[in-house]
Amino acid sequence: MHFTKRHVLLAGAAAATTLVTGRALAWNSTDVAGALPDLQFSMTRASDGKVVTAGDYRGKIVLLYFGYTSCPDICPTTLLNASTMLKALGPDAGKVRVLFVTVDPGRDTLKVLKDYTSSFAPQIVGLRGTPDQLAALAKRYRVAYSVKPAGDSFEVTHGTAVYVFDRHGKIKLLFTQLETPGGKLGPMTADLRQLADYGSHPGIWRRVENLF
């Protein structure tokens, strides 16, 4: 059997990945790598009023979630579970950012959004966009949402999935159980830890190539 340099590099990279991370990359959550586009957006960050893009979060593992501050149950449960996972990560929590995008920018002012997200964890960031910016981001990740008047209040619907991106803004995983009270957070926390560990060892391909 004839082995080309590419075959050797592929095998070497796989071995190096396992050596560096201590294990092969296998996920507990839904693997959606390649099924959705890279992280891309432009919105206003609630904590400081700055317009930010996906580029501001390169180097961080990003969890993207759509919700609204007056959500009675799903959003607070999701963010509380995310906070619990971040705490479990210990020092690795600094490598993660949870981007909470409001689907209700008409009522969620920057101050409201800032106060809401700051009650969970410092790694949870509120983002507010114009209707067009919100629609573009939701369409990019196939998220359905609506905000409709209902008497003296509003009826709001939104997706519950959390999209997980690696340090380069590439989609990796889909978390689908963070909205469940008392859910099993261990497997998802392990996935985040693995992403954090793996991202701490860049240049594996380059180092393997240098062997030949």
N, C-alpha and C. Protein backbone atom coordinates (compact mmCIF):
# COMPACT_ATOMS: atom_id res chain seq x y z
N MET A 1 0.86 -1.20 0.00
CA MET A 1 0.00 0.00 0.00
C MET A 1 0.89 1.24 0.00
N HIS A 2 0.56 2.20 -0.87
CA HIS A 2 1.37 3.42 -1.00
C HIS A 2 0.80 4.52 -0.10
N PHE A 3 1.65 5.14 0.72
CA PHE A 3 1.23 6.22 1.60
C PHE A 3 1.84 7.52 1.11
N THR A 4 0.99 8.51 0.86
CA THR A 4 1.48 9.81 0.45
C THR A 4 1.78 10.65 1.68
N LYS A 5 2.41 11.79 1.47
CA LYS A 5 2.68 12.70 2.58
C LYS A 5 1.39 13.13 3.26
N ARG A 6 0.31 13.31 2.44
CA ARG A 6 -0.97 13.73 3.02
C ARG A 6 -1.49 12.67 3.98
N HIS A 7 -1.35 11.37 3.58
CA HIS A 7 -1.81 10.30 4.47
C HIS A 7 -1.06 10.34 5.79
N VAL A 8 0.24 10.56 5.70
CA VAL A 8 1.06 10.59 6.91
C VAL A 8 0.69 11.78 7.78
N LEU A 9 0.46 12.94 7.14
CA LEU A 9 0.10 14.12 7.90
C LEU A 9 -1.24 13.96 8.60
N LEU A 10 -2.19 13.36 7.90
CA LEU A 10 -3.50 13.13 8.51
C LEU A 10 -3.39 12.24 9.73
N ALA A 11 -2.63 11.16 9.58
CA ALA A 11 -2.45 10.25 10.70
C ALA A 11 -1.70 10.93 11.83
N GLY A 12 -0.68 11.72 11.46
CA GLY A 12 0.11 12.41 12.47
C GLY A 12 -0.71 13.45 13.22
N ALA A 13 -1.56 14.16 12.49
CA ALA A 13 -2.39 15.18 13.14
C ALA A 13 -3.37 14.54 14.10
N ALA A 14 -3.96 13.44 13.69
CA ALA A 14 -4.90 12.74 14.56
C ALA A 14 -4.21 12.27 15.82
N ALA A 15 -2.99 11.73 15.65
CA ALA A 15 -2.24 11.25 16.81
C ALA A 15 -1.84 12.42 17.70
N ALA A 16 -1.45 13.53 17.07
CA ALA A 16 -1.05 14.70 17.86
C ALA A 16 -2.23 15.26 18.63
N THR A 17 -3.40 15.29 17.99
CA THR A 17 -4.60 15.79 18.67
C THR A 17 -4.89 14.95 19.90
N THR A 18 -4.84 13.64 19.74
CA THR A 18 -5.10 12.75 20.86
C THR A 18 -4.05 12.92 21.94
N LEU A 19 -2.79 13.08 21.52
CA LEU A 19 -1.70 13.24 22.48
C LEU A 19 -1.86 14.53 23.28
N VAL A 20 -2.16 15.63 22.57
CA VAL A 20 -2.23 16.92 23.24
C VAL A 20 -3.44 17.01 24.14
N THR A 21 -4.62 16.56 23.65
CA THR A 21 -5.84 16.70 24.45
C THR A 21 -6.01 15.56 25.43
N GLY A 22 -5.29 14.47 25.23
CA GLY A 22 -5.42 13.33 26.12
C GLY A 22 -6.54 12.40 25.71
N ARG A 23 -7.26 12.74 24.65
CA ARG A 23 -8.36 11.91 24.18
C ARG A 23 -8.77 12.38 22.80
N ALA A 24 -9.42 11.53 22.05
CA ALA A 24 -9.97 11.93 20.77
C ALA A 24 -11.18 12.81 21.01
N LEU A 25 -11.45 13.71 20.07
CA LEU A 25 -12.57 14.61 20.23
C LEU A 25 -13.88 13.87 19.93
N ALA A 26 -14.65 13.63 20.96
CA ALA A 26 -15.96 13.01 20.83
C ALA A 26 -16.91 13.80 21.69
N TRP A 27 -18.12 14.07 21.16
CA TRP A 27 -19.03 14.98 21.83
C TRP A 27 -20.22 14.28 22.46
N ASN A 28 -20.69 14.84 23.56
CA ASN A 28 -21.92 14.37 24.19
C ASN A 28 -23.14 15.04 23.57
N SER A 29 -22.95 16.25 23.06
CA SER A 29 -24.03 17.04 22.49
C SER A 29 -24.10 16.83 20.98
N THR A 30 -25.11 17.45 20.36
CA THR A 30 -25.30 17.29 18.92
C THR A 30 -24.21 17.99 18.14
N ASP A 31 -23.49 17.24 17.33
CA ASP A 31 -22.41 17.77 16.50
C ASP A 31 -23.00 18.35 15.22
N VAL A 32 -22.89 19.67 15.05
CA VAL A 32 -23.44 20.32 13.86
C VAL A 32 -22.34 21.02 13.06
N ALA A 33 -21.10 20.59 13.25
CA ALA A 33 -19.98 21.20 12.54
C ALA A 33 -20.22 21.13 11.04
N GLY A 34 -20.10 22.28 10.37
CA GLY A 34 -20.28 22.33 8.93
C GLY A 34 -21.73 22.48 8.48
N ALA A 35 -22.68 22.32 9.39
CA ALA A 35 -24.09 22.38 9.01
C ALA A 35 -24.63 23.81 9.02
N LEU A 36 -23.93 24.70 9.71
CA LEU A 36 -24.34 26.10 9.81
C LEU A 36 -23.12 26.99 9.58
N PRO A 37 -23.34 28.25 9.19
CA PRO A 37 -22.20 29.13 8.88
C PRO A 37 -21.45 29.60 10.11
N ASP A 38 -20.30 30.20 9.87
CA ASP A 38 -19.48 30.77 10.93
C ASP A 38 -20.26 31.87 11.66
N LEU A 39 -19.82 32.15 12.88
CA LEU A 39 -20.44 33.21 13.66
C LEU A 39 -20.20 34.56 12.98
N GLN A 40 -21.29 35.29 12.79
CA GLN A 40 -21.19 36.60 12.15
C GLN A 40 -22.36 37.47 12.59
N PHE A 41 -22.08 38.66 13.09
CA PHE A 41 -23.13 39.57 13.51
C PHE A 41 -22.53 40.95 13.76
N SER A 42 -23.42 41.94 13.89
CA SER A 42 -23.05 43.26 14.35
C SER A 42 -24.21 43.75 15.21
N MET A 43 -23.95 43.96 16.51
CA MET A 43 -24.98 44.38 17.45
C MET A 43 -24.36 45.26 18.53
N THR A 44 -25.23 45.82 19.37
CA THR A 44 -24.76 46.67 20.46
C THR A 44 -24.70 45.87 21.75
N ARG A 45 -23.56 45.94 22.42
CA ARG A 45 -23.37 45.22 23.68
C ARG A 45 -23.96 46.03 24.83
N ALA A 46 -24.78 45.37 25.62
CA ALA A 46 -25.51 46.06 26.67
C ALA A 46 -24.60 46.58 27.78
N SER A 47 -23.52 45.89 28.07
CA SER A 47 -22.68 46.25 29.22
C SER A 47 -21.98 47.58 29.05
N ASP A 48 -21.66 47.96 27.80
CA ASP A 48 -20.91 49.21 27.59
C ASP A 48 -21.42 50.05 26.43
N GLY A 49 -22.50 49.60 25.76
CA GLY A 49 -23.05 50.37 24.65
C GLY A 49 -22.22 50.34 23.39
N LYS A 50 -21.22 49.47 23.34
CA LYS A 50 -20.33 49.40 22.19
C LYS A 50 -20.92 48.50 21.11
N VAL A 51 -20.75 48.91 19.84
CA VAL A 51 -21.12 48.05 18.73
C VAL A 51 -20.04 46.99 18.57
N VAL A 52 -20.43 45.73 18.62
CA VAL A 52 -19.46 44.64 18.54
C VAL A 52 -19.85 43.69 17.41
N THR A 53 -18.86 42.94 16.96
CA THR A 53 -19.06 41.93 15.92
C THR A 53 -18.51 40.60 16.42
N ALA A 54 -18.66 39.59 15.60
CA ALA A 54 -18.12 38.28 15.96
C ALA A 54 -16.61 38.35 16.17
N GLY A 55 -15.95 39.25 15.46
CA GLY A 55 -14.51 39.38 15.59
C GLY A 55 -14.06 39.75 16.99
N ASP A 56 -14.92 40.45 17.73
CA ASP A 56 -14.58 40.82 19.11
C ASP A 56 -14.53 39.61 20.03
N TYR A 57 -15.06 38.48 19.58
CA TYR A 57 -15.09 37.27 20.42
C TYR A 57 -14.23 36.14 19.87
N ARG A 58 -13.41 36.45 18.87
CA ARG A 58 -12.46 35.46 18.40
C ARG A 58 -11.49 35.14 19.54
N GLY A 59 -11.18 33.88 19.69
CA GLY A 59 -10.33 33.45 20.79
C GLY A 59 -11.15 32.95 21.97
N LYS A 60 -12.46 33.16 21.93
CA LYS A 60 -13.36 32.67 22.97
C LYS A 60 -14.29 31.60 22.39
N ILE A 61 -14.66 30.67 23.24
CA ILE A 61 -15.74 29.74 22.90
C ILE A 61 -17.03 30.51 23.11
N VAL A 62 -17.90 30.52 22.11
CA VAL A 62 -19.11 31.33 22.18
C VAL A 62 -20.35 30.45 22.20
N LEU A 63 -21.24 30.74 23.17
CA LEU A 63 -22.57 30.13 23.20
C LEU A 63 -23.55 31.22 22.80
N LEU A 64 -24.29 31.00 21.73
CA LEU A 64 -25.23 31.97 21.19
C LEU A 64 -26.66 31.54 21.52
N TYR A 65 -27.40 32.45 22.17
CA TYR A 65 -28.76 32.11 22.59
C TYR A 65 -29.69 33.30 22.35
N PHE A 66 -30.90 33.01 21.86
CA PHE A 66 -31.90 34.04 21.58
C PHE A 66 -33.00 33.98 22.63
N GLY A 67 -33.34 35.13 23.23
CA GLY A 67 -34.39 35.15 24.23
C GLY A 67 -34.82 36.57 24.52
N TYR A 68 -35.43 36.81 25.69
CA TYR A 68 -35.85 38.15 26.07
C TYR A 68 -35.95 38.23 27.59
N THR A 69 -35.80 39.42 28.12
CA THR A 69 -35.62 39.56 29.56
C THR A 69 -36.88 39.30 30.38
N SER A 70 -38.05 39.49 29.80
CA SER A 70 -39.29 39.25 30.55
C SER A 70 -39.82 37.84 30.36
N CYS A 71 -39.01 36.97 29.78
CA CYS A 71 -39.37 35.56 29.62
C CYS A 71 -39.61 34.95 31.01
N PRO A 72 -40.75 34.29 31.22
CA PRO A 72 -41.08 33.83 32.57
C PRO A 72 -40.31 32.60 33.04
N ASP A 73 -39.83 31.76 32.12
CA ASP A 73 -39.23 30.51 32.58
C ASP A 73 -38.05 30.02 31.74
N ILE A 74 -38.23 29.91 30.44
CA ILE A 74 -37.21 29.27 29.60
C ILE A 74 -35.88 30.03 29.63
N CYS A 75 -35.93 31.33 29.43
CA CYS A 75 -34.68 32.11 29.39
C CYS A 75 -33.93 32.12 30.72
N PRO A 76 -34.62 32.42 31.82
CA PRO A 76 -33.87 32.41 33.09
C PRO A 76 -33.32 31.04 33.44
N THR A 77 -34.06 29.99 33.10
CA THR A 77 -33.56 28.64 33.38
C THR A 77 -32.33 28.34 32.53
N THR A 78 -32.39 28.72 31.26
CA THR A 78 -31.25 28.50 30.36
C THR A 78 -30.01 29.23 30.85
N LEU A 79 -30.17 30.49 31.22
CA LEU A 79 -29.01 31.27 31.66
C LEU A 79 -28.52 30.82 33.03
N LEU A 80 -29.43 30.38 33.88
CA LEU A 80 -29.01 29.86 35.18
C LEU A 80 -28.20 28.57 35.00
N ASN A 81 -28.67 27.69 34.11
CA ASN A 81 -27.91 26.47 33.83
C ASN A 81 -26.56 26.78 33.20
N ALA A 82 -26.54 27.78 32.31
CA ALA A 82 -25.27 28.18 31.72
C ALA A 82 -24.32 28.70 32.79
N SER A 83 -24.86 29.46 33.75
CA SER A 83 -24.04 29.97 34.85
C SER A 83 -23.47 28.84 35.69
N THR A 84 -24.28 27.81 35.93
CA THR A 84 -23.83 26.65 36.69
C THR A 84 -22.70 25.94 35.97
N MET A 85 -22.81 25.82 34.65
CA MET A 85 -21.77 25.18 33.86
C MET A 85 -20.48 26.00 33.90
N LEU A 86 -20.62 27.31 33.79
CA LEU A 86 -19.44 28.18 33.84
C LEU A 86 -18.72 28.04 35.17
N LYS A 87 -19.48 27.99 36.25
CA LYS A 87 -18.88 27.84 37.57
C LYS A 87 -18.13 26.51 37.66
N ALA A 88 -18.71 25.46 37.08
CA ALA A 88 -18.09 24.14 37.11
C ALA A 88 -16.79 24.11 36.30
N LEU A 89 -16.67 24.98 35.32
CA LEU A 89 -15.46 25.02 34.49
C LEU A 89 -14.27 25.60 35.23
N GLY A 90 -14.51 26.32 36.30
CA GLY A 90 -13.40 26.92 37.04
C GLY A 90 -12.67 27.94 36.19
N PRO A 91 -11.34 27.92 36.17
CA PRO A 91 -10.57 28.89 35.39
C PRO A 91 -10.89 28.88 33.90
N ASP A 92 -11.36 27.74 33.38
CA ASP A 92 -11.70 27.66 31.96
C ASP A 92 -12.92 28.50 31.60
N ALA A 93 -13.67 28.95 32.60
CA ALA A 93 -14.84 29.78 32.32
C ALA A 93 -14.45 31.08 31.63
N GLY A 94 -13.24 31.53 31.87
CA GLY A 94 -12.77 32.75 31.23
C GLY A 94 -12.59 32.60 29.73
N LYS A 95 -12.57 31.38 29.24
CA LYS A 95 -12.42 31.12 27.82
C LYS A 95 -13.76 31.08 27.09
N VAL A 96 -14.85 31.30 27.84
CA VAL A 96 -16.20 31.15 27.29
C VAL A 96 -16.97 32.46 27.41
N ARG A 97 -17.79 32.76 26.38
CA ARG A 97 -18.74 33.86 26.46
C ARG A 97 -20.11 33.35 26.01
N VAL A 98 -21.13 33.73 26.77
CA VAL A 98 -22.51 33.41 26.41
C VAL A 98 -23.13 34.69 25.88
N LEU A 99 -23.51 34.70 24.61
CA LEU A 99 -24.10 35.88 23.99
C LEU A 99 -25.62 35.73 23.98
N PHE A 100 -26.28 36.55 24.79
CA PHE A 100 -27.74 36.51 24.93
C PHE A 100 -28.32 37.60 24.03
N VAL A 101 -28.90 37.20 22.91
CA VAL A 101 -29.45 38.13 21.93
C VAL A 101 -30.94 38.31 22.18
N THR A 102 -31.36 39.52 22.48
CA THR A 102 -32.78 39.73 22.73
C THR A 102 -33.58 39.72 21.43
N VAL A 103 -34.69 39.00 21.44
CA VAL A 103 -35.61 39.00 20.29
C VAL A 103 -36.69 40.05 20.49
N ASP A 104 -36.59 40.81 21.58
CA ASP A 104 -37.58 41.83 21.93
C ASP A 104 -36.90 43.18 22.16
N PRO A 105 -36.19 43.70 21.13
CA PRO A 105 -35.44 44.94 21.33
C PRO A 105 -36.32 46.15 21.59
N GLY A 106 -37.60 46.05 21.25
CA GLY A 106 -38.51 47.16 21.50
C GLY A 106 -38.69 47.44 22.97
N ARG A 107 -38.67 46.39 23.78
CA ARG A 107 -38.83 46.55 25.24
C ARG A 107 -37.51 46.36 25.99
N ASP A 108 -36.63 45.55 25.45
CA ASP A 108 -35.34 45.30 26.11
C ASP A 108 -34.35 46.40 25.75
N THR A 109 -34.37 47.48 26.52
CA THR A 109 -33.38 48.53 26.32
C THR A 109 -32.01 48.01 26.75
N LEU A 110 -30.97 48.77 26.44
CA LEU A 110 -29.63 48.35 26.83
C LEU A 110 -29.51 48.24 28.35
N LYS A 111 -30.12 49.19 29.07
CA LYS A 111 -30.05 49.14 30.53
C LYS A 111 -30.78 47.90 31.08
N VAL A 112 -31.96 47.64 30.55
CA VAL A 112 -32.72 46.46 30.99
C VAL A 112 -31.92 45.19 30.71
N LEU A 113 -31.34 45.13 29.54
CA LEU A 113 -30.57 43.95 29.14
C LEU A 113 -29.31 43.80 29.99
N LYS A 114 -28.66 44.91 30.28
CA LYS A 114 -27.46 44.88 31.11
C LYS A 114 -27.78 44.39 32.52
N ASP A 115 -28.83 44.95 33.11
CA ASP A 115 -29.22 44.55 34.46
C ASP A 115 -29.60 43.07 34.52
N TYR A 116 -30.27 42.61 33.48
CA TYR A 116 -30.73 41.22 33.44
C TYR A 116 -29.55 40.25 33.35
N THR A 117 -28.68 40.44 32.39
CA THR A 117 -27.58 39.50 32.18
C THR A 117 -26.57 39.53 33.32
N SER A 118 -26.38 40.71 33.94
CA SER A 118 -25.40 40.81 35.01
C SER A 118 -25.83 40.06 36.26
N SER A 119 -27.09 39.66 36.32
CA SER A 119 -27.57 38.92 37.49
C SER A 119 -27.22 37.44 37.42
N PHE A 120 -26.64 37.00 36.31
CA PHE A 120 -26.31 35.58 36.15
C PHE A 120 -24.81 35.31 36.32
N ALA A 121 -24.01 35.69 35.35
CA ALA A 121 -22.56 35.43 35.42
C ALA A 121 -21.84 36.48 34.59
N PRO A 122 -20.61 36.83 34.94
CA PRO A 122 -19.89 37.87 34.20
C PRO A 122 -19.59 37.48 32.75
N GLN A 123 -19.61 36.19 32.46
CA GLN A 123 -19.34 35.74 31.09
C GLN A 123 -20.57 35.80 30.19
N ILE A 124 -21.72 36.16 30.77
CA ILE A 124 -22.95 36.25 29.98
C ILE A 124 -23.15 37.69 29.54
N VAL A 125 -23.24 37.89 28.23
CA VAL A 125 -23.25 39.22 27.63
C VAL A 125 -24.57 39.43 26.88
N GLY A 126 -25.22 40.56 27.16
CA GLY A 126 -26.45 40.90 26.45
C GLY A 126 -26.15 41.65 25.16
N LEU A 127 -26.83 41.27 24.07
CA LEU A 127 -26.67 41.94 22.79
C LEU A 127 -28.04 42.41 22.29
N ARG A 128 -28.08 43.62 21.76
CA ARG A 128 -29.31 44.19 21.23
C ARG A 128 -29.04 44.72 19.83
N GLY A 129 -29.86 44.30 18.89
CA GLY A 129 -29.69 44.75 17.52
C GLY A 129 -30.91 45.50 17.02
N THR A 130 -30.78 46.13 15.87
CA THR A 130 -31.94 46.70 15.20
C THR A 130 -32.80 45.54 14.71
N PRO A 131 -34.06 45.82 14.35
CA PRO A 131 -34.88 44.74 13.80
C PRO A 131 -34.22 44.03 12.63
N ASP A 132 -33.56 44.79 11.76
CA ASP A 132 -32.89 44.17 10.61
C ASP A 132 -31.70 43.32 11.04
N GLN A 133 -30.91 43.79 11.99
CA GLN A 133 -29.77 43.02 12.47
C GLN A 133 -30.22 41.73 13.14
N LEU A 134 -31.27 41.83 13.94
CA LEU A 134 -31.82 40.66 14.60
C LEU A 134 -32.34 39.65 13.59
N ALA A 135 -33.10 40.14 12.60
CA ALA A 135 -33.67 39.25 11.59
C ALA A 135 -32.57 38.54 10.80
N ALA A 136 -31.51 39.26 10.49
CA ALA A 136 -30.41 38.66 9.72
C ALA A 136 -29.71 37.57 10.51
N LEU A 137 -29.47 37.83 11.80
CA LEU A 137 -28.78 36.84 12.62
C LEU A 137 -29.66 35.61 12.85
N ALA A 138 -30.94 35.84 13.10
CA ALA A 138 -31.86 34.72 13.32
C ALA A 138 -31.97 33.87 12.05
N LYS A 139 -32.05 34.52 10.91
CA LYS A 139 -32.13 33.78 9.65
C LYS A 139 -30.87 32.97 9.40
N ARG A 140 -29.73 33.53 9.77
CA ARG A 140 -28.45 32.86 9.55
C ARG A 140 -28.39 31.52 10.29
N TYR A 141 -29.03 31.46 11.47
CA TYR A 141 -28.99 30.22 12.25
C TYR A 141 -30.36 29.55 12.38
N ARG A 142 -31.26 29.94 11.45
CA ARG A 142 -32.56 29.28 11.31
C ARG A 142 -33.37 29.33 12.60
N VAL A 143 -33.35 30.48 13.23
CA VAL A 143 -34.07 30.67 14.49
C VAL A 143 -35.39 31.39 14.22
N ALA A 144 -36.49 30.81 14.66
CA ALA A 144 -37.80 31.43 14.52
C ALA A 144 -38.12 32.22 15.80
N TYR A 145 -38.69 33.40 15.63
CA TYR A 145 -39.09 34.20 16.80
C TYR A 145 -40.22 35.14 16.37
N SER A 146 -40.96 35.62 17.34
CA SER A 146 -42.01 36.60 17.06
C SER A 146 -42.34 37.36 18.33
N VAL A 147 -42.77 38.60 18.16
CA VAL A 147 -43.22 39.45 19.27
C VAL A 147 -44.52 40.10 18.83
N LYS A 148 -45.63 39.71 19.47
CA LYS A 148 -46.94 40.20 19.06
C LYS A 148 -47.70 40.75 20.25
N PRO A 149 -48.40 41.90 20.06
CA PRO A 149 -49.24 42.43 21.14
C PRO A 149 -50.33 41.42 21.51
N ALA A 150 -50.58 41.29 22.81
CA ALA A 150 -51.62 40.38 23.30
C ALA A 150 -52.31 41.07 24.47
N GLY A 151 -53.32 41.87 24.16
CA GLY A 151 -53.99 42.62 25.21
C GLY A 151 -53.09 43.69 25.77
N ASP A 152 -52.90 43.68 27.08
CA ASP A 152 -52.03 44.65 27.74
C ASP A 152 -50.57 44.23 27.76
N SER A 153 -50.26 43.10 27.18
CA SER A 153 -48.89 42.59 27.20
C SER A 153 -48.47 42.18 25.78
N PHE A 154 -47.49 41.29 25.70
CA PHE A 154 -47.00 40.81 24.42
C PHE A 154 -46.87 39.30 24.48
N GLU A 155 -47.04 38.69 23.34
CA GLU A 155 -46.79 37.25 23.22
C GLU A 155 -45.49 37.09 22.45
N VAL A 156 -44.51 36.47 23.09
CA VAL A 156 -43.18 36.32 22.49
C VAL A 156 -42.85 34.84 22.33
N THR A 157 -42.37 34.48 21.16
CA THR A 157 -41.89 33.11 20.93
C THR A 157 -40.45 33.17 20.44
N HIS A 158 -39.70 32.14 20.78
CA HIS A 158 -38.30 32.07 20.35
C HIS A 158 -37.80 30.65 20.49
N GLY A 159 -36.72 30.34 19.80
CA GLY A 159 -36.12 29.01 19.90
C GLY A 159 -35.44 28.82 21.24
N THR A 160 -35.20 27.57 21.59
CA THR A 160 -34.57 27.27 22.88
C THR A 160 -33.15 26.71 22.73
N ALA A 161 -32.71 26.45 21.52
CA ALA A 161 -31.39 25.86 21.32
C ALA A 161 -30.29 26.87 21.60
N VAL A 162 -29.14 26.36 22.03
CA VAL A 162 -27.95 27.18 22.25
C VAL A 162 -26.88 26.70 21.26
N TYR A 163 -26.35 27.64 20.47
CA TYR A 163 -25.37 27.32 19.43
C TYR A 163 -23.97 27.52 19.99
N VAL A 164 -23.11 26.54 19.81
CA VAL A 164 -21.77 26.58 20.39
C VAL A 164 -20.73 26.70 19.27
N PHE A 165 -19.90 27.73 19.36
CA PHE A 165 -18.86 28.00 18.37
C PHE A 165 -17.48 27.88 19.01
N ASP A 166 -16.51 27.45 18.22
CA ASP A 166 -15.15 27.33 18.75
C ASP A 166 -14.45 28.68 18.73
N ARG A 167 -13.18 28.70 19.09
CA ARG A 167 -12.42 29.95 19.21
C ARG A 167 -12.27 30.69 17.89
N HIS A 168 -12.48 29.99 16.78
CA HIS A 168 -12.35 30.60 15.46
C HIS A 168 -13.70 31.00 14.88
N GLY A 169 -14.75 30.89 15.67
CA GLY A 169 -16.08 31.25 15.19
C GLY A 169 -16.74 30.18 14.35
N LYS A 170 -16.21 28.96 14.38
CA LYS A 170 -16.79 27.85 13.62
C LYS A 170 -17.85 27.15 14.48
N ILE A 171 -18.99 26.86 13.87
CA ILE A 171 -20.03 26.16 14.59
C ILE A 171 -19.57 24.74 14.94
N LYS A 172 -19.85 24.31 16.15
CA LYS A 172 -19.43 22.99 16.59
C LYS A 172 -20.60 22.16 17.12
N LEU A 173 -21.35 22.72 18.07
CA LEU A 173 -22.33 21.92 18.78
C LEU A 173 -23.65 22.65 18.93
N LEU A 174 -24.67 21.87 19.25
CA LEU A 174 -25.98 22.41 19.58
C LEU A 174 -26.38 21.85 20.94
N PHE A 175 -26.61 22.76 21.90
CA PHE A 175 -27.13 22.36 23.21
C PHE A 175 -28.65 22.49 23.17
N THR A 176 -29.36 21.43 23.51
CA THR A 176 -30.82 21.43 23.38
C THR A 176 -31.55 21.16 24.68
N GLN A 177 -30.83 21.14 25.81
CA GLN A 177 -31.49 20.82 27.08
C GLN A 177 -31.19 21.82 28.18
N LEU A 178 -30.63 22.96 27.83
CA LEU A 178 -30.30 23.94 28.87
C LEU A 178 -31.54 24.61 29.45
N GLU A 179 -32.66 24.52 28.76
CA GLU A 179 -33.88 25.14 29.27
C GLU A 179 -34.62 24.26 30.27
N THR A 180 -34.08 23.07 30.55
CA THR A 180 -34.73 22.11 31.44
C THR A 180 -34.26 22.29 32.88
N PRO A 181 -35.18 22.59 33.81
CA PRO A 181 -34.78 22.71 35.22
C PRO A 181 -34.23 21.38 35.73
N GLY A 182 -33.12 21.43 36.42
CA GLY A 182 -32.54 20.22 36.96
C GLY A 182 -32.01 19.27 35.91
N GLY A 183 -31.73 19.80 34.71
CA GLY A 183 -31.22 18.96 33.64
C GLY A 183 -29.81 18.46 33.91
N LYS A 184 -29.39 17.50 33.12
CA LYS A 184 -28.05 16.94 33.27
C LYS A 184 -27.04 17.84 32.55
N LEU A 185 -26.33 18.61 33.33
CA LEU A 185 -25.39 19.57 32.77
C LEU A 185 -23.99 19.00 32.60
N GLY A 186 -23.69 17.89 33.24
CA GLY A 186 -22.35 17.31 33.19
C GLY A 186 -21.85 17.05 31.78
N PRO A 187 -22.63 16.37 30.92
CA PRO A 187 -22.15 16.09 29.57
C PRO A 187 -21.86 17.36 28.76
N MET A 188 -22.72 18.37 28.88
CA MET A 188 -22.49 19.62 28.15
C MET A 188 -21.29 20.37 28.71
N THR A 189 -21.13 20.33 30.03
CA THR A 189 -19.96 20.96 30.64
C THR A 189 -18.68 20.28 30.17
N ALA A 190 -18.73 18.96 30.04
CA ALA A 190 -17.57 18.22 29.54
C ALA A 190 -17.23 18.63 28.11
N ASP A 191 -18.25 18.87 27.30
CA ASP A 191 -18.01 19.32 25.93
C ASP A 191 -17.32 20.69 25.92
N LEU A 192 -17.78 21.59 26.77
CA LEU A 192 -17.15 22.91 26.84
C LEU A 192 -15.70 22.81 27.32
N ARG A 193 -15.48 21.95 28.30
CA ARG A 193 -14.12 21.78 28.80
C ARG A 193 -13.20 21.22 27.71
N GLN A 194 -13.74 20.29 26.92
CA GLN A 194 -12.95 19.72 25.84
C GLN A 194 -12.62 20.78 24.79
N LEU A 195 -13.59 21.63 24.45
CA LEU A 195 -13.32 22.72 23.52
C LEU A 195 -12.27 23.66 24.08
N ALA A 196 -12.36 23.94 25.37
CA ALA A 196 -11.38 24.83 26.01
C ALA A 196 -10.00 24.22 26.00
N ASP A 197 -9.90 22.94 26.30
CA ASP A 197 -8.61 22.25 26.32
C ASP A 197 -8.01 22.19 24.92
N TYR A 198 -8.84 21.83 23.95
CA TYR A 198 -8.38 21.69 22.58
C TYR A 198 -7.92 23.03 22.02
N GLY A 199 -8.68 24.08 22.34
CA GLY A 199 -8.32 25.40 21.84
C GLY A 199 -7.06 25.96 22.46
N SER A 200 -6.60 25.35 23.53
CA SER A 200 -5.39 25.84 24.19
C SER A 200 -4.12 25.35 23.52
N HIS A 201 -4.27 24.53 22.48
CA HIS A 201 -3.10 23.95 21.81
C HIS A 201 -3.19 24.19 20.30
N PRO A 202 -3.05 25.45 19.86
CA PRO A 202 -3.14 25.76 18.44
C PRO A 202 -1.93 25.27 17.68
N GLY A 203 -2.08 25.23 16.36
CA GLY A 203 -0.94 24.94 15.50
C GLY A 203 -0.56 23.48 15.42
N ILE A 204 -1.47 22.55 15.76
CA ILE A 204 -1.14 21.13 15.69
C ILE A 204 -0.73 20.74 14.27
N TRP A 205 -1.51 21.20 13.29
CA TRP A 205 -1.19 20.86 11.89
C TRP A 205 0.21 21.37 11.53
N ARG A 206 0.50 22.60 11.91
CA ARG A 206 1.80 23.17 11.57
C ARG A 206 2.94 22.41 12.23
N ARG A 207 2.75 22.00 13.48
CA ARG A 207 3.81 21.27 14.16
C ARG A 207 4.01 19.89 13.56
N VAL A 208 2.90 19.26 13.16
CA VAL A 208 3.02 17.94 12.54
C VAL A 208 3.74 18.04 11.20
N GLU A 209 3.38 19.08 10.41
CA GLU A 209 4.02 19.25 9.11
C GLU A 209 5.53 19.42 9.26
N ASN A 210 5.93 20.09 10.33
CA ASN A 210 7.36 20.35 10.54
C ASN A 210 8.14 19.07 10.84
N LEU A 211 7.40 17.99 11.12
CA LEU A 211 8.08 16.73 11.38
C LEU A 211 8.59 16.09 10.09
N PHE A 212 8.12 16.57 8.93
CA PHE A 212 8.44 15.89 7.66
C PHE A 212 9.20 16.81 6.73
